[in-house]
Amino acid sequence: MKYKLNINKPAPEEKEIEESKNFNRILRQYREKRRTKSLHNVLLKLNKQLPVLIITILMVLIIIYLSKILKKIEKQEHKNIPQQEQKQ
C-alpha cells in the first residue's frame, strides 16, 4: 500500500477552522456511531451471559420436576402405610 504524505501542508485558515467547529454535527455523528456499537455491545454481553441463563433456567426446571416427583412418592407412601398396618 502506498500512502500519500503531505509534509508541506499549509496551516488552515480561521474560516476553515470555524466551519469545522460544528458541535451539533459532531454530536450527531457520535450518537449514530454509538447507537450501532451499543447494539453490538448488548449482543456481545448477551452472547456471554446466554449459557449461564440457559443453565439456570434448566436447573430451576429440574428442581421443580424433582419436587413434583417427590411429592407423588410421598403421597404413595402415605397410602401404602395404612395398608401395611392393616395386614399386620
N, C-alpha and C. Protein backbone atom coordinates (compact mmCIF):
# COMPACT_ATOMS: atom_id res chain seq x y z
N MET A 1 0.84 -1.18 0.00
CA MET A 1 0.00 0.00 0.00
C MET A 1 0.88 1.24 0.00
N LYS A 2 0.48 2.17 -0.79
CA LYS A 2 1.22 3.42 -0.85
C LYS A 2 0.38 4.51 -0.18
N TYR A 3 1.05 5.28 0.63
CA TYR A 3 0.38 6.37 1.31
C TYR A 3 0.88 7.70 0.74
N LYS A 4 -0.04 8.61 0.62
CA LYS A 4 0.34 9.94 0.15
C LYS A 4 0.55 10.83 1.38
N LEU A 5 1.77 11.25 1.58
CA LEU A 5 2.09 12.10 2.71
C LEU A 5 2.27 13.53 2.23
N ASN A 6 1.57 14.41 2.86
CA ASN A 6 1.67 15.83 2.51
C ASN A 6 2.42 16.53 3.64
N ILE A 7 3.73 16.60 3.49
CA ILE A 7 4.56 17.16 4.56
C ILE A 7 4.44 18.67 4.61
N ASN A 8 4.36 19.30 3.49
CA ASN A 8 4.35 20.76 3.43
C ASN A 8 2.92 21.30 3.33
N LYS A 9 2.02 20.75 4.11
CA LYS A 9 0.63 21.20 4.06
C LYS A 9 0.52 22.56 4.75
N PRO A 10 -0.15 23.52 4.11
CA PRO A 10 -0.28 24.84 4.74
C PRO A 10 -1.25 24.78 5.93
N ALA A 11 -1.06 25.65 6.88
CA ALA A 11 -1.94 25.71 8.04
C ALA A 11 -3.33 26.16 7.60
N PRO A 12 -4.38 25.62 8.21
CA PRO A 12 -5.74 26.02 7.82
C PRO A 12 -6.04 27.46 8.22
N GLU A 13 -6.89 28.09 7.44
CA GLU A 13 -7.27 29.47 7.73
C GLU A 13 -8.32 29.47 8.84
N GLU A 14 -8.55 30.63 9.41
CA GLU A 14 -9.52 30.76 10.50
C GLU A 14 -10.93 30.38 10.05
N LYS A 15 -11.25 30.71 8.82
CA LYS A 15 -12.58 30.41 8.30
C LYS A 15 -12.81 28.89 8.25
N GLU A 16 -11.81 28.16 7.81
CA GLU A 16 -11.91 26.69 7.76
C GLU A 16 -12.03 26.10 9.16
N ILE A 17 -11.30 26.68 10.09
CA ILE A 17 -11.37 26.20 11.47
C ILE A 17 -12.75 26.43 12.04
N GLU A 18 -13.32 27.60 11.81
CA GLU A 18 -14.65 27.91 12.32
C GLU A 18 -15.72 27.00 11.71
N GLU A 19 -15.56 26.68 10.44
CA GLU A 19 -16.54 25.80 9.78
C GLU A 19 -16.50 24.39 10.37
N SER A 20 -15.34 23.96 10.80
CA SER A 20 -15.23 22.60 11.35
C SER A 20 -15.59 22.53 12.82
N LYS A 21 -15.93 23.65 13.44
CA LYS A 21 -16.32 23.67 14.84
C LYS A 21 -17.83 23.46 15.02
N ASN A 22 -18.42 22.70 14.16
CA ASN A 22 -19.86 22.44 14.23
C ASN A 22 -20.10 21.30 15.23
N PHE A 23 -20.37 21.67 16.48
CA PHE A 23 -20.52 20.67 17.54
C PHE A 23 -21.75 19.80 17.32
N ASN A 24 -22.82 20.36 16.81
CA ASN A 24 -24.04 19.57 16.59
C ASN A 24 -23.80 18.44 15.59
N ARG A 25 -23.06 18.73 14.56
CA ARG A 25 -22.75 17.69 13.57
C ARG A 25 -21.90 16.58 14.20
N ILE A 26 -20.92 16.99 14.99
CA ILE A 26 -20.04 16.02 15.64
C ILE A 26 -20.84 15.17 16.64
N LEU A 27 -21.71 15.83 17.38
CA LEU A 27 -22.55 15.11 18.34
C LEU A 27 -23.48 14.13 17.63
N ARG A 28 -24.07 14.53 16.52
CA ARG A 28 -24.95 13.64 15.76
C ARG A 28 -24.17 12.43 15.24
N GLN A 29 -22.97 12.68 14.72
CA GLN A 29 -22.15 11.57 14.23
C GLN A 29 -21.78 10.63 15.37
N TYR A 30 -21.46 11.19 16.52
CA TYR A 30 -21.11 10.36 17.67
C TYR A 30 -22.29 9.49 18.09
N ARG A 31 -23.47 10.08 18.16
CA ARG A 31 -24.65 9.32 18.57
C ARG A 31 -24.99 8.22 17.57
N GLU A 32 -24.82 8.50 16.29
CA GLU A 32 -25.09 7.47 15.28
C GLU A 32 -24.11 6.31 15.42
N LYS A 33 -22.85 6.61 15.61
CA LYS A 33 -21.85 5.55 15.79
C LYS A 33 -22.10 4.80 17.09
N ARG A 34 -22.43 5.53 18.13
CA ARG A 34 -22.65 4.92 19.44
C ARG A 34 -23.87 4.01 19.40
N ARG A 35 -24.89 4.41 18.69
CA ARG A 35 -26.12 3.61 18.62
C ARG A 35 -25.83 2.25 18.00
N THR A 36 -25.09 2.21 16.93
CA THR A 36 -24.80 0.94 16.30
C THR A 36 -23.86 0.11 17.16
N LYS A 37 -22.90 0.74 17.79
CA LYS A 37 -21.99 0.00 18.64
C LYS A 37 -22.67 -0.48 19.91
N SER A 38 -23.61 0.30 20.43
CA SER A 38 -24.27 -0.12 21.66
C SER A 38 -25.08 -1.39 21.42
N LEU A 39 -25.73 -1.49 20.28
CA LEU A 39 -26.46 -2.71 19.96
C LEU A 39 -25.49 -3.88 19.85
N HIS A 40 -24.38 -3.63 19.25
CA HIS A 40 -23.36 -4.66 19.12
C HIS A 40 -22.85 -5.09 20.50
N ASN A 41 -22.63 -4.13 21.38
CA ASN A 41 -22.17 -4.44 22.74
C ASN A 41 -23.21 -5.23 23.51
N VAL A 42 -24.47 -4.88 23.35
CA VAL A 42 -25.54 -5.61 24.04
C VAL A 42 -25.57 -7.05 23.55
N LEU A 43 -25.43 -7.25 22.26
CA LEU A 43 -25.42 -8.61 21.73
C LEU A 43 -24.22 -9.40 22.24
N LEU A 44 -23.09 -8.76 22.34
CA LEU A 44 -21.91 -9.44 22.87
C LEU A 44 -22.11 -9.84 24.32
N LYS A 45 -22.66 -8.94 25.12
CA LYS A 45 -22.91 -9.26 26.52
C LYS A 45 -23.93 -10.38 26.64
N LEU A 46 -24.97 -10.31 25.84
CA LEU A 46 -25.98 -11.36 25.86
C LEU A 46 -25.38 -12.69 25.45
N ASN A 47 -24.52 -12.66 24.47
CA ASN A 47 -23.88 -13.87 23.99
C ASN A 47 -23.01 -14.49 25.09
N LYS A 48 -22.40 -13.66 25.93
CA LYS A 48 -21.59 -14.17 27.03
C LYS A 48 -22.46 -14.70 28.16
N GLN A 49 -23.61 -14.09 28.40
CA GLN A 49 -24.46 -14.46 29.53
C GLN A 49 -25.51 -15.50 29.17
N LEU A 50 -25.71 -15.74 27.92
CA LEU A 50 -26.75 -16.67 27.49
C LEU A 50 -26.55 -18.09 28.02
N PRO A 51 -25.37 -18.66 27.96
CA PRO A 51 -25.21 -20.01 28.50
C PRO A 51 -25.53 -20.10 29.99
N VAL A 52 -25.14 -19.09 30.75
CA VAL A 52 -25.44 -19.09 32.18
C VAL A 52 -26.94 -19.00 32.40
N LEU A 53 -27.60 -18.19 31.63
CA LEU A 53 -29.05 -18.05 31.74
C LEU A 53 -29.75 -19.37 31.41
N ILE A 54 -29.33 -20.02 30.36
CA ILE A 54 -29.94 -21.29 29.96
C ILE A 54 -29.72 -22.35 31.04
N ILE A 55 -28.52 -22.43 31.57
CA ILE A 55 -28.22 -23.41 32.61
C ILE A 55 -29.07 -23.13 33.86
N THR A 56 -29.21 -21.88 34.21
CA THR A 56 -30.02 -21.53 35.38
C THR A 56 -31.48 -21.92 35.18
N ILE A 57 -32.03 -21.64 34.02
CA ILE A 57 -33.41 -21.99 33.73
C ILE A 57 -33.58 -23.51 33.77
N LEU A 58 -32.65 -24.23 33.19
CA LEU A 58 -32.72 -25.70 33.21
C LEU A 58 -32.66 -26.24 34.64
N MET A 59 -31.82 -25.68 35.46
CA MET A 59 -31.72 -26.14 36.84
C MET A 59 -33.02 -25.90 37.61
N VAL A 60 -33.62 -24.75 37.39
CA VAL A 60 -34.89 -24.44 38.05
C VAL A 60 -35.97 -25.42 37.59
N LEU A 61 -36.01 -25.70 36.31
CA LEU A 61 -37.00 -26.64 35.80
C LEU A 61 -36.78 -28.05 36.35
N ILE A 62 -35.54 -28.47 36.47
CA ILE A 62 -35.23 -29.78 37.03
C ILE A 62 -35.63 -29.85 38.50
N ILE A 63 -35.38 -28.80 39.23
CA ILE A 63 -35.76 -28.77 40.65
C ILE A 63 -37.28 -28.86 40.79
N ILE A 64 -38.00 -28.13 39.98
CA ILE A 64 -39.47 -28.18 40.03
C ILE A 64 -39.96 -29.58 39.69
N TYR A 65 -39.39 -30.18 38.67
CA TYR A 65 -39.78 -31.52 38.25
C TYR A 65 -39.50 -32.55 39.36
N LEU A 66 -38.33 -32.47 39.95
CA LEU A 66 -37.97 -33.40 41.02
C LEU A 66 -38.85 -33.21 42.26
N SER A 67 -39.20 -31.98 42.55
CA SER A 67 -40.07 -31.74 43.71
C SER A 67 -41.45 -32.35 43.48
N LYS A 68 -41.95 -32.29 42.26
CA LYS A 68 -43.24 -32.90 41.96
C LYS A 68 -43.16 -34.42 42.08
N ILE A 69 -42.07 -34.99 41.62
CA ILE A 69 -41.89 -36.44 41.73
C ILE A 69 -41.82 -36.85 43.19
N LEU A 70 -41.11 -36.10 44.00
CA LEU A 70 -41.01 -36.42 45.43
C LEU A 70 -42.36 -36.32 46.12
N LYS A 71 -43.15 -35.35 45.74
CA LYS A 71 -44.49 -35.23 46.32
C LYS A 71 -45.34 -36.44 45.97
N LYS A 72 -45.25 -36.91 44.74
CA LYS A 72 -46.01 -38.09 44.33
C LYS A 72 -45.56 -39.31 45.12
N ILE A 73 -44.26 -39.45 45.31
CA ILE A 73 -43.73 -40.59 46.06
C ILE A 73 -44.21 -40.54 47.51
N GLU A 74 -44.20 -39.37 48.09
CA GLU A 74 -44.67 -39.22 49.47
C GLU A 74 -46.15 -39.57 49.58
N LYS A 75 -46.95 -39.16 48.64
CA LYS A 75 -48.37 -39.49 48.66
C LYS A 75 -48.58 -40.99 48.56
N GLN A 76 -47.81 -41.64 47.71
CA GLN A 76 -47.92 -43.09 47.56
C GLN A 76 -47.50 -43.79 48.85
N GLU A 77 -46.48 -43.31 49.51
CA GLU A 77 -46.03 -43.91 50.75
C GLU A 77 -47.08 -43.77 51.84
N HIS A 78 -47.74 -42.63 51.89
CA HIS A 78 -48.78 -42.41 52.88
C HIS A 78 -49.96 -43.35 52.63
N LYS A 79 -50.24 -43.62 51.39
CA LYS A 79 -51.32 -44.56 51.07
C LYS A 79 -50.91 -45.99 51.42
N ASN A 80 -49.67 -46.33 51.23
CA ASN A 80 -49.18 -47.67 51.49
C ASN A 80 -49.02 -47.96 52.98
N ILE A 81 -48.76 -47.01 53.78
CA ILE A 81 -48.56 -47.23 55.22
C ILE A 81 -49.83 -47.77 55.87
N PRO A 82 -50.99 -47.18 55.66
CA PRO A 82 -52.19 -47.77 56.29
C PRO A 82 -52.48 -49.20 55.80
N GLN A 83 -52.21 -49.49 54.59
CA GLN A 83 -52.44 -50.85 54.06
C GLN A 83 -51.51 -51.83 54.75
N GLN A 84 -50.29 -51.46 54.98
CA GLN A 84 -49.33 -52.33 55.64
C GLN A 84 -49.73 -52.55 57.10
N GLU A 85 -50.24 -51.52 57.74
CA GLU A 85 -50.66 -51.64 59.13
C GLU A 85 -51.85 -52.58 59.25
N GLN A 86 -52.74 -52.55 58.28
CA GLN A 86 -53.92 -53.41 58.31
C GLN A 86 -53.52 -54.87 58.17
N LYS A 87 -52.52 -55.15 57.38
CA LYS A 87 -52.08 -56.52 57.17
C LYS A 87 -51.45 -57.09 58.42
N GLN A 88 -50.85 -56.30 59.22
CA GLN A 88 -50.19 -56.81 60.43
C GLN A 88 -51.18 -57.00 61.48
